[in-house]
N, C-alpha and C. Protein backbone atom coordinates (compact mmCIF):
# COMPACT_ATOMS: atom_id res chain seq x y z
N MET A 1 -16.39 -13.39 37.50
CA MET A 1 -17.40 -13.64 36.80
C MET A 1 -17.81 -14.15 35.40
N LYS A 2 -16.96 -13.82 34.78
CA LYS A 2 -16.85 -13.71 33.16
C LYS A 2 -16.09 -15.53 33.38
N ASN A 3 -17.18 -16.67 32.73
CA ASN A 3 -16.84 -17.80 33.25
C ASN A 3 -17.39 -18.52 31.89
N ASN A 4 -16.33 -18.21 30.32
CA ASN A 4 -17.30 -18.25 29.12
C ASN A 4 -16.57 -19.58 28.33
N GLY A 5 -15.50 -20.18 29.09
CA GLY A 5 -15.02 -20.95 28.21
C GLY A 5 -15.27 -22.25 27.54
N ILE A 6 -16.16 -23.20 27.91
CA ILE A 6 -17.31 -23.60 27.06
C ILE A 6 -18.01 -23.26 26.19
N ILE A 7 -18.81 -22.33 26.10
CA ILE A 7 -19.78 -21.39 25.38
C ILE A 7 -18.63 -21.14 24.38
N TYR A 8 -17.89 -20.38 24.41
CA TYR A 8 -16.61 -19.60 23.37
C TYR A 8 -15.99 -21.20 22.89
N ASN A 9 -15.40 -22.28 23.39
CA ASN A 9 -15.39 -23.72 22.60
C ASN A 9 -16.08 -23.72 21.80
N PHE A 10 -17.49 -24.04 22.44
CA PHE A 10 -18.60 -24.86 21.37
C PHE A 10 -18.67 -23.47 20.15
N LEU A 11 -18.75 -22.84 19.83
CA LEU A 11 -19.19 -21.27 18.79
C LEU A 11 -17.80 -21.78 18.37
N LYS A 12 -16.62 -22.01 18.72
CA LYS A 12 -15.91 -21.35 18.18
C LYS A 12 -15.33 -23.06 16.84
N SER A 13 -15.93 -23.93 17.79
CA SER A 13 -15.68 -25.58 16.81
C SER A 13 -17.11 -25.80 15.96
N ASN A 14 -18.08 -24.60 15.91
CA ASN A 14 -18.86 -24.80 15.04
C ASN A 14 -19.00 -23.05 14.03
N GLY A 15 -17.78 -22.87 13.69
CA GLY A 15 -17.63 -21.82 13.02
C GLY A 15 -17.55 -20.10 13.71
N PHE A 16 -17.63 -19.98 14.14
CA PHE A 16 -17.70 -18.83 15.02
C PHE A 16 -15.99 -17.64 14.81
N LYS A 17 -16.28 -16.70 15.37
CA LYS A 17 -14.44 -16.18 15.60
C LYS A 17 -14.89 -14.95 16.16
N LEU A 18 -13.97 -15.13 17.00
CA LEU A 18 -13.93 -13.76 17.79
C LEU A 18 -13.22 -12.42 17.23
N ILE A 19 -14.62 -11.84 17.19
CA ILE A 19 -14.18 -10.49 16.14
C ILE A 19 -13.72 -9.49 16.94
N LYS A 20 -14.15 -8.96 17.93
CA LYS A 20 -14.28 -7.65 19.20
C LYS A 20 -14.32 -8.59 20.71
N GLU A 21 -13.30 -7.53 20.98
CA GLU A 21 -14.03 -7.54 22.51
C GLU A 21 -13.45 -6.75 23.65
N ASP A 22 -13.64 -6.29 24.85
CA ASP A 22 -13.23 -4.79 25.39
C ASP A 22 -13.12 -5.50 26.69
N THR A 23 -12.55 -5.78 27.59
CA THR A 23 -12.82 -5.36 29.31
C THR A 23 -11.91 -4.44 29.64
N SER A 24 -13.25 -4.16 30.93
CA SER A 24 -13.41 -2.75 31.42
C SER A 24 -12.34 -2.88 33.14
N VAL A 25 -11.07 -2.11 33.42
CA VAL A 25 -10.70 -1.90 33.86
C VAL A 25 -11.84 -1.75 35.39
N PHE A 26 -12.54 -1.65 35.41
CA PHE A 26 -13.96 -1.41 36.87
C PHE A 26 -15.07 -2.12 36.32
N PHE A 27 -15.15 -2.60 37.71
CA PHE A 27 -16.51 -3.58 38.22
C PHE A 27 -16.73 -5.11 37.07
N GLY A 28 -15.41 -5.60 36.55
CA GLY A 28 -15.67 -6.60 35.31
C GLY A 28 -16.64 -6.42 34.16
N ASP A 29 -16.72 -5.19 33.90
CA ASP A 29 -17.58 -5.39 32.47
C ASP A 29 -17.27 -5.81 31.56
N TYR A 30 -17.79 -6.40 30.93
CA TYR A 30 -16.76 -6.76 29.46
C TYR A 30 -17.95 -6.85 27.80
N TYR A 31 -17.64 -7.13 27.19
CA TYR A 31 -18.28 -7.44 25.74
C TYR A 31 -17.15 -8.32 24.86
N ASP A 32 -17.76 -9.63 24.24
CA ASP A 32 -16.60 -10.30 23.11
C ASP A 32 -18.14 -10.52 22.12
N ILE A 33 -17.72 -10.57 21.47
CA ILE A 33 -18.47 -10.27 19.51
C ILE A 33 -17.73 -11.21 19.02
N PHE A 34 -18.44 -12.40 19.05
CA PHE A 34 -18.75 -13.30 17.83
C PHE A 34 -19.86 -13.27 15.89
N THR A 35 -18.85 -13.61 15.64
CA THR A 35 -19.85 -13.78 14.26
C THR A 35 -19.80 -15.09 13.47
N ASN A 36 -20.19 -15.18 12.90
CA ASN A 36 -19.97 -16.91 11.63
C ASN A 36 -20.35 -16.15 10.39
N ILE A 37 -21.51 -16.87 9.42
CA ILE A 37 -21.82 -15.94 8.45
C ILE A 37 -22.85 -15.66 8.69
N CYS A 38 -24.22 -16.47 9.70
CA CYS A 38 -25.35 -16.17 9.36
C CYS A 38 -25.43 -14.71 10.19
N PHE A 39 -24.79 -14.50 11.42
CA PHE A 39 -25.10 -13.43 13.16
C PHE A 39 -24.21 -13.46 13.41
N LEU A 40 -23.82 -12.74 14.09
CA LEU A 40 -23.19 -12.06 15.57
C LEU A 40 -23.76 -12.38 16.64
N ILE A 41 -22.98 -13.50 17.72
CA ILE A 41 -22.85 -13.33 19.06
C ILE A 41 -22.50 -12.71 19.97
N LYS A 42 -23.09 -11.98 20.74
CA LYS A 42 -22.66 -10.56 21.58
C LYS A 42 -22.74 -11.12 22.78
N PHE A 43 -21.54 -11.78 24.07
CA PHE A 43 -21.51 -11.55 25.88
C PHE A 43 -21.43 -10.26 25.99
N SER A 44 -22.30 -9.71 27.25
CA SER A 44 -21.21 -8.92 27.78
C SER A 44 -22.19 -8.54 29.10
N SER A 45 -20.95 -7.66 29.73
CA SER A 45 -21.92 -7.68 31.33
C SER A 45 -21.37 -6.77 31.91
N SER A 46 -23.27 -5.84 32.34
CA SER A 46 -23.11 -4.59 32.71
C SER A 46 -23.00 -4.65 33.97
N LYS A 47 -21.99 -3.82 35.09
CA LYS A 47 -23.31 -3.73 36.40
C LYS A 47 -23.34 -4.86 36.60
N SER A 48 -22.51 -6.68 37.17
CA SER A 48 -23.21 -7.76 37.06
C SER A 48 -24.05 -8.05 36.47
N SER A 49 -24.43 -7.26 35.49
CA SER A 49 -25.63 -8.45 34.57
C SER A 49 -25.19 -8.84 33.24
N GLU A 50 -25.30 -9.94 33.63
CA GLU A 50 -24.92 -11.02 31.98
C GLU A 50 -26.02 -10.74 30.68
N MET A 51 -25.51 -10.87 29.77
CA MET A 51 -26.43 -10.60 28.98
C MET A 51 -26.13 -11.18 27.85
N ILE A 52 -26.74 -12.30 26.93
CA ILE A 52 -26.73 -12.86 25.86
C ILE A 52 -27.34 -11.59 24.78
N GLU A 53 -27.00 -11.49 23.27
CA GLU A 53 -27.06 -11.05 22.34
C GLU A 53 -27.47 -11.27 21.34
N ILE A 54 -28.01 -11.31 20.73
CA ILE A 54 -27.75 -11.85 19.10
C ILE A 54 -28.30 -10.87 17.73
N ARG A 55 -27.72 -11.22 16.58
CA ARG A 55 -28.09 -9.94 15.29
C ARG A 55 -27.28 -10.63 14.84
N TYR A 56 -28.68 -10.56 13.32
CA TYR A 56 -28.10 -10.76 12.00
C TYR A 56 -26.95 -9.93 11.35
N ASN A 57 -26.23 -11.18 10.66
CA ASN A 57 -25.17 -10.47 9.82
C ASN A 57 -25.14 -9.78 9.13
N GLN A 58 -25.51 -8.20 9.77
CA GLN A 58 -25.58 -7.34 8.44
C GLN A 58 -25.67 -6.04 8.97
N ALA A 59 -24.82 -5.00 7.98
CA ALA A 59 -24.93 -3.47 9.52
C ALA A 59 -26.30 -3.54 8.96
N ASN A 60 -26.32 -2.20 10.26
CA ASN A 60 -27.69 -1.61 10.77
C ASN A 60 -28.47 -2.13 11.16
N GLU A 61 -28.39 -3.78 11.62
CA GLU A 61 -29.66 -4.85 11.53
C GLU A 61 -29.33 -4.41 13.63
N ASN A 62 -30.67 -4.65 14.52
CA ASN A 62 -30.26 -4.52 16.33
C ASN A 62 -30.14 -5.42 16.52
N TRP A 63 -29.60 -5.72 17.66
CA TRP A 63 -29.59 -6.86 18.24
C TRP A 63 -30.34 -6.78 19.47
N TYR A 64 -30.50 -8.23 19.79
CA TYR A 64 -32.16 -8.26 19.80
C TYR A 64 -31.14 -9.28 21.13
N ASP A 65 -32.06 -9.73 22.59
CA ASP A 65 -31.80 -10.49 23.80
C ASP A 65 -32.19 -11.74 23.04
N LEU A 66 -31.39 -13.15 23.82
CA LEU A 66 -31.47 -14.43 23.24
C LEU A 66 -32.89 -14.58 24.04
N ALA A 67 -33.34 -14.43 25.01
CA ALA A 67 -34.47 -14.44 24.97
C ALA A 67 -35.43 -14.70 24.62
N LEU A 68 -35.19 -13.40 23.71
CA LEU A 68 -36.89 -12.94 22.24
C LEU A 68 -36.79 -14.22 21.87
N VAL A 69 -35.62 -14.77 21.45
CA VAL A 69 -34.67 -15.84 20.39
C VAL A 69 -35.36 -17.52 21.06
N LYS A 70 -35.42 -17.79 22.34
CA LYS A 70 -35.92 -18.38 22.99
C LYS A 70 -37.18 -18.32 22.96
N ALA A 71 -37.82 -16.96 23.19
CA ALA A 71 -39.74 -17.18 22.74
C ALA A 71 -40.16 -17.47 21.65
N ILE A 72 -39.40 -17.22 21.07
CA ILE A 72 -40.22 -18.05 19.36
C ILE A 72 -39.98 -19.36 19.37
N LEU A 73 -38.91 -19.95 19.69
CA LEU A 73 -38.79 -21.15 19.43
C LEU A 73 -39.40 -22.20 20.78
N TYR A 74 -39.76 -21.86 21.95
CA TYR A 74 -40.30 -22.26 22.62
C TYR A 74 -41.75 -21.88 22.77
N ASN A 75 -42.27 -20.65 22.31
CA ASN A 75 -43.13 -20.62 21.82
C ASN A 75 -43.72 -20.24 23.11
N GLU A 76 -43.18 -19.66 24.17
CA GLU A 76 -43.72 -18.52 25.48
C GLU A 76 -44.15 -17.31 25.65
N LYS A 77 -45.42 -17.52 25.99
CA LYS A 77 -46.16 -15.98 26.71
C LYS A 77 -45.59 -15.44 28.05
N LYS A 78 -45.25 -15.93 28.49
CA LYS A 78 -44.48 -14.79 29.34
C LYS A 78 -43.11 -14.71 29.20
N LEU A 79 -43.01 -13.27 29.03
CA LEU A 79 -41.93 -13.06 28.50
C LEU A 79 -40.64 -11.73 29.46
N ASP A 80 -41.15 -12.07 30.81
CA ASP A 80 -40.84 -10.57 31.83
C ASP A 80 -39.89 -12.43 32.88
N LYS A 81 -39.99 -12.92 32.39
CA LYS A 81 -39.45 -14.21 33.56
C LYS A 81 -37.88 -14.01 33.48
N ILE A 82 -38.05 -14.01 34.65
CA ILE A 82 -35.73 -13.96 34.89
C ILE A 82 -35.32 -15.39 34.48
N THR A 83 -34.27 -15.51 33.45
CA THR A 83 -33.42 -16.86 33.45
C THR A 83 -32.58 -16.85 33.70
N SER A 84 -31.79 -16.93 34.16
CA SER A 84 -29.77 -17.27 34.47
C SER A 84 -29.38 -17.54 33.27
N ILE A 85 -27.97 -16.36 33.14
CA ILE A 85 -27.40 -16.75 31.97
C ILE A 85 -26.62 -18.13 31.65
N GLU A 86 -26.81 -19.04 32.86
CA GLU A 86 -26.03 -19.87 32.25
C GLU A 86 -27.19 -21.29 31.93
N GLU A 87 -28.52 -20.72 32.29
CA GLU A 87 -29.72 -20.88 31.17
C GLU A 87 -29.82 -20.84 29.94
N TYR A 88 -28.99 -19.77 29.48
CA TYR A 88 -29.33 -19.28 28.39
C TYR A 88 -27.58 -19.23 27.73
N LYS A 89 -26.82 -19.82 28.04
CA LYS A 89 -25.55 -20.71 27.56
C LYS A 89 -26.00 -21.84 27.02
N ASN A 90 -26.58 -22.60 28.07
CA ASN A 90 -27.28 -24.15 27.84
C ASN A 90 -27.73 -24.30 26.69
N PHE A 91 -29.15 -23.46 26.89
CA PHE A 91 -29.90 -22.69 25.60
C PHE A 91 -29.60 -22.74 24.62
N LEU A 92 -28.42 -21.95 24.41
CA LEU A 92 -27.90 -21.67 22.84
C LEU A 92 -27.61 -23.13 22.46
N GLN A 93 -26.45 -23.51 23.12
CA GLN A 93 -26.08 -24.99 22.86
C GLN A 93 -26.66 -26.13 22.38
N THR A 94 -28.09 -26.25 22.73
CA THR A 94 -28.48 -27.23 22.95
C THR A 94 -30.17 -26.56 21.29
N ASN A 95 -29.92 -25.49 21.08
CA ASN A 95 -30.61 -25.21 20.32
C ASN A 95 -30.53 -24.30 18.93
N PHE A 96 -29.10 -24.67 19.27
CA PHE A 96 -28.19 -23.94 18.07
C PHE A 96 -28.79 -24.39 16.49
N THR A 97 -28.83 -25.76 16.01
CA THR A 97 -29.21 -25.66 14.57
C THR A 97 -30.59 -24.72 14.18
N ASN A 98 -31.33 -24.74 15.50
CA ASN A 98 -32.80 -24.20 15.26
C ASN A 98 -32.34 -22.78 15.35
N ILE A 99 -31.62 -22.21 16.18
CA ILE A 99 -31.23 -20.44 16.05
C ILE A 99 -30.53 -19.99 14.72
N VAL A 100 -30.09 -21.54 13.76
CA VAL A 100 -29.12 -21.03 12.72
C VAL A 100 -30.66 -20.89 11.98
N LYS A 101 -31.77 -21.31 12.32
CA LYS A 101 -32.16 -21.86 10.61
C LYS A 101 -33.61 -20.50 11.21
N LEU A 102 -33.30 -19.86 12.13
CA LEU A 102 -34.22 -18.62 11.97
C LEU A 102 -33.15 -17.25 11.51
N PHE A 103 -32.23 -17.63 11.52
CA PHE A 103 -30.99 -15.99 11.29
C PHE A 103 -30.43 -16.40 9.80
N ASN A 104 -30.33 -17.48 9.59
CA ASN A 104 -30.68 -17.56 7.50
C ASN A 104 -30.55 -16.55 6.51
N LYS A 105 -30.66 -16.48 5.59
CA LYS A 105 -31.05 -15.05 4.63
C LYS A 105 -32.46 -15.47 4.49
N ASN A 106 -33.15 -17.02 4.19
CA ASN A 106 -34.22 -16.39 3.98
C ASN A 106 -35.43 -16.06 5.04
N SER A 107 -35.03 -16.81 6.13
CA SER A 107 -36.05 -16.59 7.60
C SER A 107 -35.75 -15.66 8.07
N TYR A 108 -34.45 -15.38 8.22
CA TYR A 108 -34.31 -13.21 9.18
C TYR A 108 -35.97 -12.97 9.02
N PRO A 109 -35.88 -12.50 7.53
CA PRO A 109 -37.39 -10.92 7.67
C PRO A 109 -38.00 -11.47 8.35
N ALA A 110 -38.83 -12.83 8.66
CA ALA A 110 -40.16 -13.86 8.96
C ALA A 110 -39.27 -13.49 11.11
N THR A 111 -38.34 -13.80 11.44
CA THR A 111 -38.35 -14.29 12.73
C THR A 111 -37.57 -12.53 12.84
N LYS A 112 -36.85 -11.44 12.31
CA LYS A 112 -37.17 -10.11 12.64
C LYS A 112 -38.41 -9.66 13.20
N GLU A 113 -39.41 -9.94 12.20
CA GLU A 113 -40.88 -9.36 12.78
C GLU A 113 -41.65 -9.65 13.53
N LYS A 114 -41.23 -11.53 14.08
CA LYS A 114 -40.91 -12.35 16.10
C LYS A 114 -40.84 -11.14 16.43
N LEU A 115 -39.51 -10.75 16.63
CA LEU A 115 -38.62 -9.94 17.37
C LEU A 115 -39.41 -9.24 17.54
N LYS A 116 -39.59 -8.36 16.48
CA LYS A 116 -40.19 -7.13 17.09
C LYS A 116 -41.93 -6.75 18.24
N ILE A 117 -42.19 -7.95 17.77
CA ILE A 117 -43.18 -7.99 17.92
C ILE A 117 -43.51 -8.40 19.16
N LEU A 118 -42.66 -9.08 19.98
CA LEU A 118 -42.06 -9.77 21.57
C LEU A 118 -41.51 -8.90 22.14
N GLU A 119 -40.57 -8.25 21.42
CA GLU A 119 -39.93 -6.78 22.09
C GLU A 119 -40.79 -6.43 23.05
N LYS A 120 -42.14 -5.86 21.74
CA LYS A 120 -42.92 -4.66 21.98
C LYS A 120 -43.85 -5.08 23.52
N GLU A 121 -44.31 -6.12 23.50
CA GLU A 121 -44.94 -7.36 24.13
C GLU A 121 -44.70 -7.55 25.58
N ARG A 122 -42.89 -7.97 25.57
CA ARG A 122 -41.86 -8.08 26.38
C ARG A 122 -41.99 -6.91 27.38
N VAL A 123 -42.58 -5.24 26.47
CA VAL A 123 -42.11 -4.04 27.56
C VAL A 123 -43.68 -3.99 28.13
N LYS A 124 -44.89 -4.50 27.26
CA LYS A 124 -46.18 -4.01 27.53
C LYS A 124 -46.27 -5.04 29.71
N GLN A 125 -45.69 -6.30 29.68
CA GLN A 125 -45.41 -7.34 30.31
C GLN A 125 -44.91 -6.70 31.60
N MET A 126 -43.73 -6.16 31.52
CA MET A 126 -43.13 -5.38 32.20
C MET A 126 -43.36 -4.31 33.36
N PHE A 127 -43.71 -3.40 32.43
CA PHE A 127 -44.43 -2.22 32.06
C PHE A 127 -45.77 -2.36 32.51
N PRO A 128 -46.92 -2.83 33.23
CA PRO A 128 -48.01 -2.79 32.34
C PRO A 128 -49.18 -1.67 32.42
N LYS A 129 -48.64 -0.74 33.55
CA LYS A 129 -49.70 0.44 33.87
C LYS A 129 -48.69 1.80 32.69
N MET A 130 -47.35 1.12 31.85
CA MET A 130 -47.29 2.23 30.85
C MET A 130 -48.29 1.98 29.30
N ARG A 131 -48.93 2.63 28.89
CA ARG A 131 -49.66 2.64 27.92
C ARG A 131 -49.30 3.84 26.96
């Protein structure tokens, strides 16, 4: 399932370094974490479900699903739709400059607040009867 060569090369060509990686002998589960000066990106697979998450490059910050970053940039309202991992890789490449802007030192506090709001809204959309 792990076919990340193109996106990993893209990240490396943009100043990212692979800082942590692990692959399980069971089920092909893995995670790879890249970092640059602004943020970390984690590619992972667990039980055949692949994810890309992003985190501001400071200790104790939360990981956020790349889908929420996409929702900010595209002003998406429907937060419970399923998007393929390939679409997220493409999104990461084509919107890289804007993602960097969201996670720079000056913009991150506002980005973090938007991500928290979107996280709560996505839970409401996914589980409407749970209030």
